[in-house]
């Protein structure tokens, strides 16, 4: 009986590790989806509240403004994974308050470079 248990222990460990990895990956994916949605929303708010954005877009049509805003906030959303740790992703999936803080930090870190990219197109 002890020999069977000893032989099964490594198999059980491997199966447990696989299940834990899948759960962590799923949590990270949910976290990233939640963060990307929140990032886009925060980015739009940040742009609309920035005096430079208001001045720069005064002479633009609504369509032009929307296109540039989509480019900038799409860029910010795409760069988010570079500025978010796996722990942040798991936390964001479970805690809305933490998600807001993480999102604010990510937008702050990436929005200027994305504005520069959009302007230089």
PDB file of N, CA and C in Angstrom:
ATOM      1  N   UNK A   1       0.819  -1.190   0.000  1.00  0.00           N
ATOM      2  CA  UNK A   1       0.000   0.000   0.000  1.00  0.00           C
ATOM      3  C   UNK A   1       0.868   1.261   0.000  1.00  0.00           C
ATOM      4  N   UNK A   2       1.930   1.258   0.831  1.00  0.00           N
ATOM      5  CA  UNK A   2       2.813   2.414   0.905  1.00  0.00           C
ATOM      6  C   UNK A   2       3.539   2.631  -0.409  1.00  0.00           C
ATOM      7  N   UNK A   3       3.884   1.524  -1.111  1.00  0.00           N
ATOM      8  CA  UNK A   3       4.566   1.643  -2.394  1.00  0.00           C
ATOM      9  C   UNK A   3       3.641   2.286  -3.424  1.00  0.00           C
ATOM     10  N   UNK A   4       2.369   1.930  -3.424  1.00  0.00           N
ATOM     11  CA  UNK A   4       1.405   2.520  -4.355  1.00  0.00           C
ATOM     12  C   UNK A   4       1.252   4.022  -4.087  1.00  0.00           C
ATOM     13  N   UNK A   5       1.149   4.358  -2.819  1.00  0.00           N
ATOM     14  CA  UNK A   5       1.012   5.756  -2.443  1.00  0.00           C
ATOM     15  C   UNK A   5       2.255   6.544  -2.860  1.00  0.00           C
ATOM     16  N   UNK A   6       3.420   5.958  -2.650  1.00  0.00           N
ATOM     17  CA  UNK A   6       4.673   6.610  -3.037  1.00  0.00           C
ATOM     18  C   UNK A   6       4.758   6.783  -4.547  1.00  0.00           C
ATOM     19  N   UNK A   7       4.241   5.817  -5.290  1.00  0.00           N
ATOM     20  CA  UNK A   7       4.256   5.897  -6.747  1.00  0.00           C
ATOM     21  C   UNK A   7       3.240   6.928  -7.250  1.00  0.00           C
ATOM     22  N   UNK A   8       2.144   7.092  -6.557  1.00  0.00           N
ATOM     23  CA  UNK A   8       1.109   8.032  -6.978  1.00  0.00           C
ATOM     24  C   UNK A   8       1.410   9.479  -6.576  1.00  0.00           C
ATOM     25  N   UNK A   9       2.236   9.665  -5.577  1.00  0.00           N
ATOM     26  CA  UNK A   9       2.523  11.017  -5.077  1.00  0.00           C
ATOM     27  C   UNK A   9       3.038  11.960  -6.170  1.00  0.00           C
ATOM     28  N   UNK A  10       4.020  11.549  -6.992  1.00  0.00           N
ATOM     29  CA  UNK A  10       4.487  12.459  -8.044  1.00  0.00           C
ATOM     30  C   UNK A  10       3.390  12.786  -9.063  1.00  0.00           C
ATOM     31  N   UNK A  11       2.558  11.818  -9.377  1.00  0.00           N
ATOM     32  CA  UNK A  11       1.469  12.047 -10.328  1.00  0.00           C
ATOM     33  C   UNK A  11       0.478  13.055  -9.761  1.00  0.00           C
ATOM     34  N   UNK A  12       0.143  12.899  -8.504  1.00  0.00           N
ATOM     35  CA  UNK A  12      -0.779  13.822  -7.844  1.00  0.00           C
ATOM     36  C   UNK A  12      -0.187  15.230  -7.808  1.00  0.00           C
ATOM     37  N   UNK A  13       1.089  15.315  -7.524  1.00  0.00           N
ATOM     38  CA  UNK A  13       1.759  16.619  -7.498  1.00  0.00           C
ATOM     39  C   UNK A  13       1.713  17.302  -8.863  1.00  0.00           C
ATOM     40  N   UNK A  14       1.978  16.550  -9.913  1.00  0.00           N
ATOM     41  CA  UNK A  14       1.950  17.106 -11.266  1.00  0.00           C
ATOM     42  C   UNK A  14       0.552  17.574 -11.616  1.00  0.00           C
ATOM     43  N   UNK A  15      -0.451  16.755 -11.323  1.00  0.00           N
ATOM     44  CA  UNK A  15      -1.835  17.141 -11.626  1.00  0.00           C
ATOM     45  C   UNK A  15      -2.260  18.369 -10.831  1.00  0.00           C
ATOM     46  N   UNK A  16      -1.865  18.462  -9.609  1.00  0.00           N
ATOM     47  CA  UNK A  16      -2.182  19.627  -8.780  1.00  0.00           C
ATOM     48  C   UNK A  16      -1.511  20.873  -9.343  1.00  0.00           C
ATOM     49  N   UNK A  17      -0.279  20.749  -9.769  1.00  0.00           N
ATOM     50  CA  UNK A  17       0.438  21.883 -10.352  1.00  0.00           C
ATOM     51  C   UNK A  17      -0.248  22.370 -11.616  1.00  0.00           C
ATOM     52  N   UNK A  18      -0.717  21.437 -12.442  1.00  0.00           N
ATOM     53  CA  UNK A  18      -1.419  21.814 -13.667  1.00  0.00           C
ATOM     54  C   UNK A  18      -2.698  22.566 -13.343  1.00  0.00           C
ATOM     55  N   UNK A  19      -3.456  22.083 -12.406  1.00  0.00           N
ATOM     56  CA  UNK A  19      -4.711  22.735 -12.020  1.00  0.00           C
ATOM     57  C   UNK A  19      -4.443  24.123 -11.459  1.00  0.00           C
ATOM     58  N   UNK A  20      -3.420  24.258 -10.661  1.00  0.00           N
ATOM     59  CA  UNK A  20      -3.080  25.557 -10.075  1.00  0.00           C
ATOM     60  C   UNK A  20      -2.632  26.529 -11.155  1.00  0.00           C
ATOM     61  N   UNK A  21      -1.837  26.066 -12.108  1.00  0.00           N
ATOM     62  CA  UNK A  21      -1.371  26.910 -13.200  1.00  0.00           C
ATOM     63  C   UNK A  21      -2.539  27.381 -14.045  1.00  0.00           C
ATOM     64  N   UNK A  22      -3.485  26.478 -14.358  1.00  0.00           N
ATOM     65  CA  UNK A  22      -4.644  26.862 -15.150  1.00  0.00           C
ATOM     66  C   UNK A  22      -5.478  27.900 -14.418  1.00  0.00           C
ATOM     67  N   UNK A  23      -5.668  27.737 -13.126  1.00  0.00           N
ATOM     68  CA  UNK A  23      -6.442  28.693 -12.348  1.00  0.00           C
ATOM     69  C   UNK A  23      -5.753  30.045 -12.334  1.00  0.00           C
ATOM     70  N   UNK A  24      -4.448  30.054 -12.148  1.00  0.00           N
ATOM     71  CA  UNK A  24      -3.693  31.309 -12.136  1.00  0.00           C
ATOM     72  C   UNK A  24      -3.772  31.990 -13.496  1.00  0.00           C
ATOM     73  N   UNK A  25      -3.640  31.223 -14.574  1.00  0.00           N
ATOM     74  CA  UNK A  25      -3.709  31.780 -15.915  1.00  0.00           C
ATOM     75  C   UNK A  25      -5.085  32.370 -16.177  1.00  0.00           C
ATOM     76  N   UNK A  26      -6.133  31.668 -15.790  1.00  0.00           N
ATOM     77  CA  UNK A  26      -7.486  32.171 -15.973  1.00  0.00           C
ATOM     78  C   UNK A  26      -7.699  33.447 -15.183  1.00  0.00           C
ATOM     79  N   UNK A  27      -7.225  33.485 -13.970  1.00  0.00           N
ATOM     80  CA  UNK A  27      -7.344  34.691 -13.135  1.00  0.00           C
ATOM     81  C   UNK A  27      -6.600  35.851 -13.780  1.00  0.00           C
ATOM     82  N   UNK A  28      -5.422  35.585 -14.323  1.00  0.00           N
ATOM     83  CA  UNK A  28      -4.660  36.632 -14.994  1.00  0.00           C
ATOM     84  C   UNK A  28      -5.394  37.147 -16.229  1.00  0.00           C
ATOM     85  N   UNK A  29      -6.005  36.240 -16.993  1.00  0.00           N
ATOM     86  CA  UNK A  29      -6.738  36.644 -18.187  1.00  0.00           C
ATOM     87  C   UNK A  29      -7.947  37.503 -17.828  1.00  0.00           C
ATOM     88  N   UNK A  30      -8.665  37.097 -16.780  1.00  0.00           N
ATOM     89  CA  UNK A  30      -9.807  37.882 -16.323  1.00  0.00           C
ATOM     90  C   UNK A  30      -9.324  39.236 -15.834  1.00  0.00           C
ATOM     91  N   UNK A  31      -8.227  39.229 -15.094  1.00  0.00           N
ATOM     92  CA  UNK A  31      -7.652  40.471 -14.597  1.00  0.00           C
ATOM     93  C   UNK A  31      -7.247  41.395 -15.726  1.00  0.00           C
ATOM     94  N   UNK A  32      -6.605  40.861 -16.753  1.00  0.00           N
ATOM     95  CA  UNK A  32      -6.169  41.677 -17.878  1.00  0.00           C
ATOM     96  C   UNK A  32      -7.369  42.239 -18.642  1.00  0.00           C
ATOM     97  N   UNK A  33      -8.401  41.440 -18.830  1.00  0.00           N
ATOM     98  CA  UNK A  33      -9.599  41.927 -19.518  1.00  0.00           C
ATOM     99  C   UNK A  33     -10.235  43.068 -18.728  1.00  0.00           C
ATOM    100  N   UNK A  34     -10.331  42.886 -17.425  1.00  0.00           N
ATOM    101  CA  UNK A  34     -10.907  43.929 -16.568  1.00  0.00           C
ATOM    102  C   UNK A  34     -10.057  45.182 -16.604  1.00  0.00           C
ATOM    103  N   UNK A  35      -8.755  45.014 -16.576  1.00  0.00           N
ATOM    104  CA  UNK A  35      -7.854  46.162 -16.590  1.00  0.00           C
ATOM    105  C   UNK A  35      -7.926  46.889 -17.933  1.00  0.00           C
ATOM    106  N   UNK A  36      -7.955  46.166 -19.039  1.00  0.00           N
ATOM    107  CA  UNK A  36      -7.985  46.814 -20.352  1.00  0.00           C
ATOM    108  C   UNK A  36      -9.250  47.657 -20.522  1.00  0.00           C
ATOM    109  N   UNK A  37     -10.374  47.147 -20.066  1.00  0.00           N
ATOM    110  CA  UNK A  37     -11.620  47.906 -20.156  1.00  0.00           C
ATOM    111  C   UNK A  37     -11.524  49.169 -19.297  1.00  0.00           C
ATOM    112  N   UNK A  38     -11.041  48.997 -18.080  1.00  0.00           N
ATOM    113  CA  UNK A  38     -10.903  50.141 -17.170  1.00  0.00           C
ATOM    114  C   UNK A  38      -9.862  51.137 -17.686  1.00  0.00           C
ATOM    115  N   UNK A  39      -8.796  50.644 -18.298  1.00  0.00           N
ATOM    116  CA  UNK A  39      -7.749  51.518 -18.835  1.00  0.00           C
ATOM    117  C   UNK A  39      -8.302  52.393 -19.950  1.00  0.00           C
ATOM    118  N   UNK A  40      -9.068  51.801 -20.819  1.00  0.00           N
ATOM    119  CA  UNK A  40      -9.636  52.574 -21.927  1.00  0.00           C
ATOM    120  C   UNK A  40     -10.528  53.693 -21.390  1.00  0.00           C
ATOM    121  N   UNK A  41     -11.363  53.357 -20.433  1.00  0.00           N
ATOM    122  CA  UNK A  41     -12.248  54.351 -19.835  1.00  0.00           C
ATOM    123  C   UNK A  41     -11.464  55.455 -19.136  1.00  0.00           C
ATOM    124  N   UNK A  42     -10.456  55.076 -18.369  1.00  0.00           N
ATOM    125  CA  UNK A  42      -9.618  56.047 -17.652  1.00  0.00           C
ATOM    126  C   UNK A  42      -8.847  56.926 -18.630  1.00  0.00           C
ATOM    127  N   UNK A  43      -8.386  56.337 -19.709  1.00  0.00           N
ATOM    128  CA  UNK A  43      -7.637  57.081 -20.717  1.00  0.00           C
ATOM    129  C   UNK A  43      -8.510  58.167 -21.341  1.00  0.00           C
ATOM    130  N   UNK A  44      -9.727  57.821 -21.699  1.00  0.00           N
ATOM    131  CA  UNK A  44     -10.659  58.788 -22.295  1.00  0.00           C
ATOM    132  C   UNK A  44     -10.907  59.933 -21.310  1.00  0.00           C
ATOM    133  N   UNK A  45     -11.131  59.587 -20.050  1.00  0.00           N
ATOM    134  CA  UNK A  45     -11.358  60.603 -19.019  1.00  0.00           C
ATOM    135  C   UNK A  45     -10.141  61.506 -18.863  1.00  0.00           C
ATOM    136  N   UNK A  46      -8.954  60.884 -18.794  1.00  0.00           N
ATOM    137  CA  UNK A  46      -7.715  61.662 -18.649  1.00  0.00           C
ATOM    138  C   UNK A  46      -7.531  62.624 -19.821  1.00  0.00           C
ATOM    139  N   UNK A  47      -7.741  62.142 -21.037  1.00  0.00           N
ATOM    140  CA  UNK A  47      -7.579  63.005 -22.208  1.00  0.00           C
ATOM    141  C   UNK A  47      -8.552  64.181 -22.154  1.00  0.00           C
ATOM    142  N   UNK A  48      -9.802  63.880 -21.883  1.00  0.00           N
ATOM    143  CA  UNK A  48     -10.816  64.926 -21.877  1.00  0.00           C
ATOM    144  C   UNK A  48     -10.618  65.945 -20.766  1.00  0.00           C
ATOM    145  N   UNK A  49      -9.896  65.589 -19.726  1.00  0.00           N
ATOM    146  CA  UNK A  49      -9.637  66.512 -18.619  1.00  0.00           C
ATOM    147  C   UNK A  49      -8.304  67.254 -18.743  1.00  0.00           C
ATOM    148  N   UNK A  50      -7.544  66.950 -19.779  1.00  0.00           N
ATOM    149  CA  UNK A  50      -6.236  67.572 -19.968  1.00  0.00           C
ATOM    150  C   UNK A  50      -6.389  68.866 -20.774  1.00  0.00           C
ATOM    151  N   UNK A  51      -5.938  69.988 -20.211  1.00  0.00           N
ATOM    152  CA  UNK A  51      -6.060  71.265 -20.938  1.00  0.00           C
ATOM    153  C   UNK A  51      -5.392  71.242 -22.319  1.00  0.00           C
ATOM    154  N   UNK A  52      -4.249  70.581 -22.429  1.00  0.00           N
ATOM    155  CA  UNK A  52      -3.553  70.512 -23.726  1.00  0.00           C
ATOM    156  C   UNK A  52      -4.408  69.777 -24.761  1.00  0.00           C
ATOM    157  N   UNK A  53      -5.087  68.727 -24.338  1.00  0.00           N
ATOM    158  CA  UNK A  53      -5.970  67.968 -25.242  1.00  0.00           C
ATOM    159  C   UNK A  53      -7.132  68.859 -25.686  1.00  0.00           C
ATOM    160  N   UNK A  54      -7.711  69.577 -24.746  1.00  0.00           N
ATOM    161  CA  UNK A  54      -8.840  70.463 -25.068  1.00  0.00           C
ATOM    162  C   UNK A  54      -8.418  71.514 -26.090  1.00  0.00           C
ATOM    163  N   UNK A  55      -7.243  72.081 -25.895  1.00  0.00           N
ATOM    164  CA  UNK A  55      -6.740  73.100 -26.816  1.00  0.00           C
ATOM    165  C   UNK A  55      -6.420  72.491 -28.178  1.00  0.00           C
ATOM    166  N   UNK A  56      -5.749  71.360 -28.177  1.00  0.00           N
ATOM    167  CA  UNK A  56      -5.323  70.724 -29.428  1.00  0.00           C
ATOM    168  C   UNK A  56      -6.496  70.251 -30.273  1.00  0.00           C
ATOM    169  N   UNK A  57      -7.601  69.932 -29.642  1.00  0.00           N
ATOM    170  CA  UNK A  57      -8.733  69.370 -30.390  1.00  0.00           C
ATOM    171  C   UNK A  57      -9.839  70.383 -30.690  1.00  0.00           C
ATOM    172  N   UNK A  58      -9.647  71.641 -30.333  1.00  0.00           N
ATOM    173  CA  UNK A  58     -10.684  72.652 -30.565  1.00  0.00           C
ATOM    174  C   UNK A  58     -11.059  72.791 -32.039  1.00  0.00           C
ATOM    175  N   UNK A  59     -10.096  72.714 -32.905  1.00  0.00           N
ATOM    176  CA  UNK A  59     -10.363  72.912 -34.329  1.00  0.00           C
ATOM    177  C   UNK A  59     -10.623  71.608 -35.084  1.00  0.00           C
ATOM    178  N   UNK A  60     -10.647  70.499 -34.377  1.00  0.00           N
ATOM    179  CA  UNK A  60     -10.890  69.197 -35.011  1.00  0.00           C
ATOM    180  C   UNK A  60     -12.384  68.911 -35.090  1.00  0.00           C
ATOM    181  N   UNK A  61     -12.723  68.120 -36.098  1.00  0.00           N
ATOM    182  CA  UNK A  61     -14.104  67.637 -36.157  1.00  0.00           C
ATOM    183  C   UNK A  61     -14.268  66.559 -35.086  1.00  0.00           C
ATOM    184  N   UNK A  62     -15.486  66.241 -34.770  1.00  0.00           N
ATOM    185  CA  UNK A  62     -15.752  65.198 -33.770  1.00  0.00           C
ATOM    186  C   UNK A  62     -15.152  63.872 -34.216  1.00  0.00           C
ATOM    187  N   UNK A  63     -15.210  63.605 -35.505  1.00  0.00           N
ATOM    188  CA  UNK A  63     -14.653  62.352 -36.033  1.00  0.00           C
ATOM    189  C   UNK A  63     -13.128  62.315 -35.897  1.00  0.00           C
ATOM    190  N   UNK A  64     -12.462  63.405 -36.216  1.00  0.00           N
ATOM    191  CA  UNK A  64     -11.007  63.470 -36.072  1.00  0.00           C
ATOM    192  C   UNK A  64     -10.601  63.274 -34.611  1.00  0.00           C
ATOM    193  N   UNK A  65     -11.292  63.961 -33.728  1.00  0.00           N
ATOM    194  CA  UNK A  65     -11.007  63.855 -32.297  1.00  0.00           C
ATOM    195  C   UNK A  65     -11.200  62.418 -31.822  1.00  0.00           C
ATOM    196  N   UNK A  66     -12.289  61.793 -32.258  1.00  0.00           N
ATOM    197  CA  UNK A  66     -12.578  60.410 -31.863  1.00  0.00           C
ATOM    198  C   UNK A  66     -11.518  59.455 -32.392  1.00  0.00           C
ATOM    199  N   UNK A  67     -11.080  59.646 -33.624  1.00  0.00           N
ATOM    200  CA  UNK A  67     -10.064  58.774 -34.212  1.00  0.00           C
ATOM    201  C   UNK A  67      -8.736  58.863 -33.459  1.00  0.00           C
ATOM    202  N   UNK A  68      -8.320  60.067 -33.129  1.00  0.00           N
ATOM    203  CA  UNK A  68      -7.064  60.235 -32.399  1.00  0.00           C
ATOM    204  C   UNK A  68      -7.199  59.671 -30.986  1.00  0.00           C
ATOM    205  N   UNK A  69      -8.334  59.934 -30.365  1.00  0.00           N
ATOM    206  CA  UNK A  69      -8.573  59.413 -29.019  1.00  0.00           C
ATOM    207  C   UNK A  69      -8.562  57.890 -29.028  1.00  0.00           C
ATOM    208  N   UNK A  70      -9.137  57.284 -30.038  1.00  0.00           N
ATOM    209  CA  UNK A  70      -9.136  55.823 -30.174  1.00  0.00           C
ATOM    210  C   UNK A  70      -7.719  55.303 -30.349  1.00  0.00           C
ATOM    211  N   UNK A  71      -6.914  55.986 -31.159  1.00  0.00           N
ATOM    212  CA  UNK A  71      -5.511  55.591 -31.352  1.00  0.00           C
ATOM    213  C   UNK A  71      -4.732  55.663 -30.045  1.00  0.00           C
ATOM    214  N   UNK A  72      -4.884  56.773 -29.342  1.00  0.00           N
ATOM    215  CA  UNK A  72      -4.130  56.972 -28.104  1.00  0.00           C
ATOM    216  C   UNK A  72      -4.538  55.951 -27.053  1.00  0.00           C
ATOM    217  N   UNK A  73      -5.831  55.820 -26.819  1.00  0.00           N
ATOM    218  CA  UNK A  73      -6.287  54.912 -25.757  1.00  0.00           C
ATOM    219  C   UNK A  73      -6.101  53.442 -26.145  1.00  0.00           C
ATOM    220  N   UNK A  74      -6.140  53.145 -27.431  1.00  0.00           N
ATOM    221  CA  UNK A  74      -5.816  51.787 -27.886  1.00  0.00           C
ATOM    222  C   UNK A  74      -4.362  51.467 -27.606  1.00  0.00           C
ATOM    223  N   UNK A  75      -3.505  52.437 -27.843  1.00  0.00           N
ATOM    224  CA  UNK A  75      -2.073  52.289 -27.550  1.00  0.00           C
ATOM    225  C   UNK A  75      -1.864  52.058 -26.062  1.00  0.00           C
ATOM    226  N   UNK A  76      -2.517  52.858 -25.235  1.00  0.00           N
ATOM    227  CA  UNK A  76      -2.377  52.715 -23.782  1.00  0.00           C
ATOM    228  C   UNK A  76      -2.833  51.320 -23.350  1.00  0.00           C
ATOM    229  N   UNK A  77      -3.950  50.862 -23.887  1.00  0.00           N
ATOM    230  CA  UNK A  77      -4.460  49.527 -23.539  1.00  0.00           C
ATOM    231  C   UNK A  77      -3.511  48.415 -23.972  1.00  0.00           C
ATOM    232  N   UNK A  78      -2.876  48.587 -25.116  1.00  0.00           N
ATOM    233  CA  UNK A  78      -1.949  47.571 -25.605  1.00  0.00           C
ATOM    234  C   UNK A  78      -0.647  47.542 -24.807  1.00  0.00           C
ATOM    235  N   UNK A  79      -0.226  48.690 -24.308  1.00  0.00           N
ATOM    236  CA  UNK A  79       1.015  48.748 -23.545  1.00  0.00           C
ATOM    237  C   UNK A  79       0.814  48.357 -22.079  1.00  0.00           C
ATOM    238  N   UNK A  80      -0.421  48.191 -21.669  1.00  0.00           N
ATOM    239  CA  UNK A  80      -0.724  47.861 -20.274  1.00  0.00           C
ATOM    240  C   UNK A  80      -0.001  46.617 -19.771  1.00  0.00           C
ATOM    241  N   UNK A  81       0.046  45.531 -20.540  1.00  0.00           N
ATOM    242  CA  UNK A  81       0.720  44.334 -20.026  1.00  0.00           C
ATOM    243  C   UNK A  81       2.185  44.559 -19.667  1.00  0.00           C
ATOM    244  N   UNK A  82       2.819  45.537 -20.278  1.00  0.00           N
ATOM    245  CA  UNK A  82       4.228  45.822 -19.976  1.00  0.00           C
ATOM    246  C   UNK A  82       4.390  46.514 -18.627  1.00  0.00           C
ATOM    247  N   UNK A  83       3.320  47.095 -18.121  1.00  0.00           N
ATOM    248  CA  UNK A  83       3.393  47.862 -16.876  1.00  0.00           C
ATOM    249  C   UNK A  83       2.588  47.254 -15.734  1.00  0.00           C
ATOM    250  N   UNK A  84       2.142  46.018 -15.917  1.00  0.00           N
ATOM    251  CA  UNK A  84       1.319  45.358 -14.899  1.00  0.00           C
ATOM    252  C   UNK A  84       1.939  44.004 -14.572  1.00  0.00           C
ATOM    253  N   UNK A  85       2.099  43.732 -13.296  1.00  0.00           N
ATOM    254  CA  UNK A  85       2.647  42.439 -12.879  1.00  0.00           C
ATOM    255  C   UNK A  85       1.542  41.395 -12.807  1.00  0.00           C
ATOM    256  N   UNK A  86       1.917  40.138 -12.725  1.00  0.00           N
ATOM    257  CA  UNK A  86       0.921  39.079 -12.596  1.00  0.00           C
ATOM    258  C   UNK A  86       0.167  39.186 -11.277  1.00  0.00           C
ATOM    259  N   UNK A  87       0.831  39.671 -10.252  1.00  0.00           N
ATOM    260  CA  UNK A  87       0.155  39.884  -8.965  1.00  0.00           C
ATOM    261  C   UNK A  87      -0.899  40.977  -9.117  1.00  0.00           C
ATOM    262  N   UNK A  88      -0.551  42.052  -9.850  1.00  0.00           N
ATOM    263  CA  UNK A  88      -1.517  43.122 -10.107  1.00  0.00           C
ATOM    264  C   UNK A  88      -2.737  42.588 -10.859  1.00  0.00           C
ATOM    265  N   UNK A  89      -2.495  41.727 -11.832  1.00  0.00           N
ATOM    266  CA  UNK A  89      -3.596  41.167 -12.610  1.00  0.00           C
ATOM    267  C   UNK A  89      -4.547  40.358 -11.736  1.00  0.00           C
ATOM    268  N   UNK A  90      -3.984  39.526 -10.893  1.00  0.00           N
ATOM    269  CA  UNK A  90      -4.812  38.713 -10.001  1.00  0.00           C
ATOM    270  C   UNK A  90      -5.578  39.608  -9.031  1.00  0.00           C
ATOM    271  N   UNK A  91      -4.917  40.608  -8.507  1.00  0.00           N
ATOM    272  CA  UNK A  91      -5.558  41.537  -7.582  1.00  0.00           C
ATOM    273  C   UNK A  91      -6.676  42.306  -8.283  1.00  0.00           C
ATOM    274  N   UNK A  92      -6.416  42.756  -9.504  1.00  0.00           N
ATOM    275  CA  UNK A  92      -7.413  43.519 -10.263  1.00  0.00           C
ATOM    276  C   UNK A  92      -8.665  42.696 -10.566  1.00  0.00           C
ATOM    277  N   UNK A  93      -8.471  41.398 -10.755  1.00  0.00           N
ATOM    278  CA  UNK A  93      -9.620  40.538 -11.044  1.00  0.00           C
ATOM    279  C   UNK A  93     -10.540  40.415  -9.836  1.00  0.00           C
ATOM    280  N   UNK A  94      -9.990  40.588  -8.649  1.00  0.00           N
ATOM    281  CA  UNK A  94     -10.760  40.343  -7.432  1.00  0.00           C
ATOM    282  C   UNK A  94     -11.139  41.601  -6.656  1.00  0.00           C
ATOM    283  N   UNK A  95     -10.392  42.682  -6.815  1.00  0.00           N
ATOM    284  CA  UNK A  95     -10.595  43.864  -5.984  1.00  0.00           C
ATOM    285  C   UNK A  95     -10.778  45.125  -6.832  1.00  0.00           C
ATOM    286  N   UNK A  96     -12.001  45.640  -6.927  1.00  0.00           N
ATOM    287  CA  UNK A  96     -12.250  46.833  -7.745  1.00  0.00           C
ATOM    288  C   UNK A  96     -11.460  48.068  -7.295  1.00  0.00           C
ATOM    289  N   UNK A  97     -11.247  48.227  -6.006  1.00  0.00           N
ATOM    290  CA  UNK A  97     -10.484  49.385  -5.520  1.00  0.00           C
ATOM    291  C   UNK A  97      -9.032  49.287  -5.974  1.00  0.00           C
ATOM    292  N   UNK A  98      -8.457  48.111  -5.868  1.00  0.00           N
ATOM    293  CA  UNK A  98      -7.078  47.909  -6.329  1.00  0.00           C
ATOM    294  C   UNK A  98      -6.998  48.090  -7.837  1.00  0.00           C
ATOM    295  N   UNK A  99      -8.012  47.623  -8.544  1.00  0.00           N
ATOM    296  CA  UNK A  99      -8.044  47.762 -10.008  1.00  0.00           C
ATOM    297  C   UNK A  99      -7.971  49.240 -10.384  1.00  0.00           C
ATOM    298  N   UNK A 100      -8.712  50.092  -9.690  1.00  0.00           N
ATOM    299  CA  UNK A 100      -8.707  51.528  -9.993  1.00  0.00           C
ATOM    300  C   UNK A 100      -7.318  52.128  -9.803  1.00  0.00           C
ATOM    301  N   UNK A 101      -6.641  51.734  -8.752  1.00  0.00           N
ATOM    302  CA  UNK A 101      -5.290  52.228  -8.497  1.00  0.00           C
ATOM    303  C   UNK A 101      -4.318  51.737  -9.562  1.00  0.00           C
ATOM    304  N   UNK A 102      -4.402  50.459  -9.889  1.00  0.00           N
ATOM    305  CA  UNK A 102      -3.522  49.876 -10.907  1.00  0.00           C
ATOM    306  C   UNK A 102      -3.744  50.561 -12.251  1.00  0.00           C
ATOM    307  N   UNK A 103      -5.002  50.750 -12.605  1.00  0.00           N
ATOM    308  CA  UNK A 103      -5.355  51.391 -13.876  1.00  0.00           C
ATOM    309  C   UNK A 103      -4.814  52.812 -13.929  1.00  0.00           C
ATOM    310  N   UNK A 104      -4.993  53.554 -12.863  1.00  0.00           N
ATOM    311  CA  UNK A 104      -4.506  54.926 -12.817  1.00  0.00           C
ATOM    312  C   UNK A 104      -2.994  54.970 -13.020  1.00  0.00           C
ATOM    313  N   UNK A 105      -2.275  54.073 -12.377  1.00  0.00           N
ATOM    314  CA  UNK A 105      -0.817  54.014 -12.522  1.00  0.00           C
ATOM    315  C   UNK A 105      -0.407  53.667 -13.946  1.00  0.00           C
ATOM    316  N   UNK A 106      -1.079  52.718 -14.549  1.00  0.00           N
ATOM    317  CA  UNK A 106      -0.741  52.289 -15.906  1.00  0.00           C
ATOM    318  C   UNK A 106      -1.010  53.408 -16.906  1.00  0.00           C
ATOM    319  N   UNK A 107      -2.147  54.063 -16.771  1.00  0.00           N
ATOM    320  CA  UNK A 107      -2.478  55.156 -17.693  1.00  0.00           C
ATOM    321  C   UNK A 107      -1.455  56.281 -17.553  1.00  0.00           C
ATOM    322  N   UNK A 108      -1.121  56.629 -16.335  1.00  0.00           N
ATOM    323  CA  UNK A 108      -0.146  57.688 -16.091  1.00  0.00           C
ATOM    324  C   UNK A 108       1.203  57.350 -16.718  1.00  0.00           C
ATOM    325  N   UNK A 109       1.613  56.084 -16.621  1.00  0.00           N
ATOM    326  CA  UNK A 109       2.915  55.665 -17.153  1.00  0.00           C
ATOM    327  C   UNK A 109       2.962  55.649 -18.676  1.00  0.00           C
ATOM    328  N   UNK A 110       1.823  55.439 -19.330  1.00  0.00           N
ATOM    329  CA  UNK A 110       1.867  55.200 -20.776  1.00  0.00           C
ATOM    330  C   UNK A 110       1.213  56.262 -21.644  1.00  0.00           C
ATOM    331  N   UNK A 111       0.396  57.105 -21.089  1.00  0.00           N
ATOM    332  CA  UNK A 111      -0.383  58.010 -21.941  1.00  0.00           C
ATOM    333  C   UNK A 111       0.492  58.994 -22.718  1.00  0.00           C
ATOM    334  N   UNK A 112       1.528  59.527 -22.107  1.00  0.00           N
ATOM    335  CA  UNK A 112       2.367  60.507 -22.804  1.00  0.00           C
ATOM    336  C   UNK A 112       3.075  59.910 -24.018  1.00  0.00           C
ATOM    337  N   UNK A 113       3.598  58.692 -23.865  1.00  0.00           N
ATOM    338  CA  UNK A 113       4.271  58.076 -25.016  1.00  0.00           C
ATOM    339  C   UNK A 113       3.278  57.769 -26.121  1.00  0.00           C
ATOM    340  N   UNK A 114       2.058  57.411 -25.760  1.00  0.00           N
ATOM    341  CA  UNK A 114       1.040  57.128 -26.780  1.00  0.00           C
ATOM    342  C   UNK A 114       0.556  58.389 -27.470  1.00  0.00           C
ATOM    343  N   UNK A 115       0.480  59.491 -26.721  1.00  0.00           N
ATOM    344  CA  UNK A 115       0.129  60.780 -27.337  1.00  0.00           C
ATOM    345  C   UNK A 115       1.196  61.152 -28.350  1.00  0.00           C
ATOM    346  N   UNK A 116       2.439  60.993 -27.978  1.00  0.00           N
ATOM    347  CA  UNK A 116       3.554  61.290 -28.891  1.00  0.00           C
ATOM    348  C   UNK A 116       3.482  60.450 -30.149  1.00  0.00           C
ATOM    349  N   UNK A 117       3.193  59.162 -29.982  1.00  0.00           N
ATOM    350  CA  UNK A 117       3.070  58.281 -31.143  1.00  0.00           C
ATOM    351  C   UNK A 117       1.936  58.721 -32.055  1.00  0.00           C
ATOM    352  N   UNK A 118       0.802  59.088 -31.470  1.00  0.00           N
ATOM    353  CA  UNK A 118      -0.362  59.499 -32.275  1.00  0.00           C
ATOM    354  C   UNK A 118      -0.088  60.802 -33.007  1.00  0.00           C
ATOM    355  N   UNK A 119       0.596  61.717 -32.366  1.00  0.00           N
ATOM    356  CA  UNK A 119       0.904  63.014 -32.980  1.00  0.00           C
ATOM    357  C   UNK A 119       1.902  62.857 -34.123  1.00  0.00           C
ATOM    358  N   UNK A 120       2.826  61.927 -33.978  1.00  0.00           N
ATOM    359  CA  UNK A 120       3.866  61.725 -34.993  1.00  0.00           C
ATOM    360  C   UNK A 120       3.425  60.859 -36.162  1.00  0.00           C
ATOM    361  N   UNK A 121       2.205  60.420 -36.179  1.00  0.00           N
ATOM    362  CA  UNK A 121       1.725  59.593 -37.312  1.00  0.00           C
ATOM    363  C   UNK A 121       1.490  60.433 -38.529  1.00  0.00           C
TER     364      UNK A 121
END
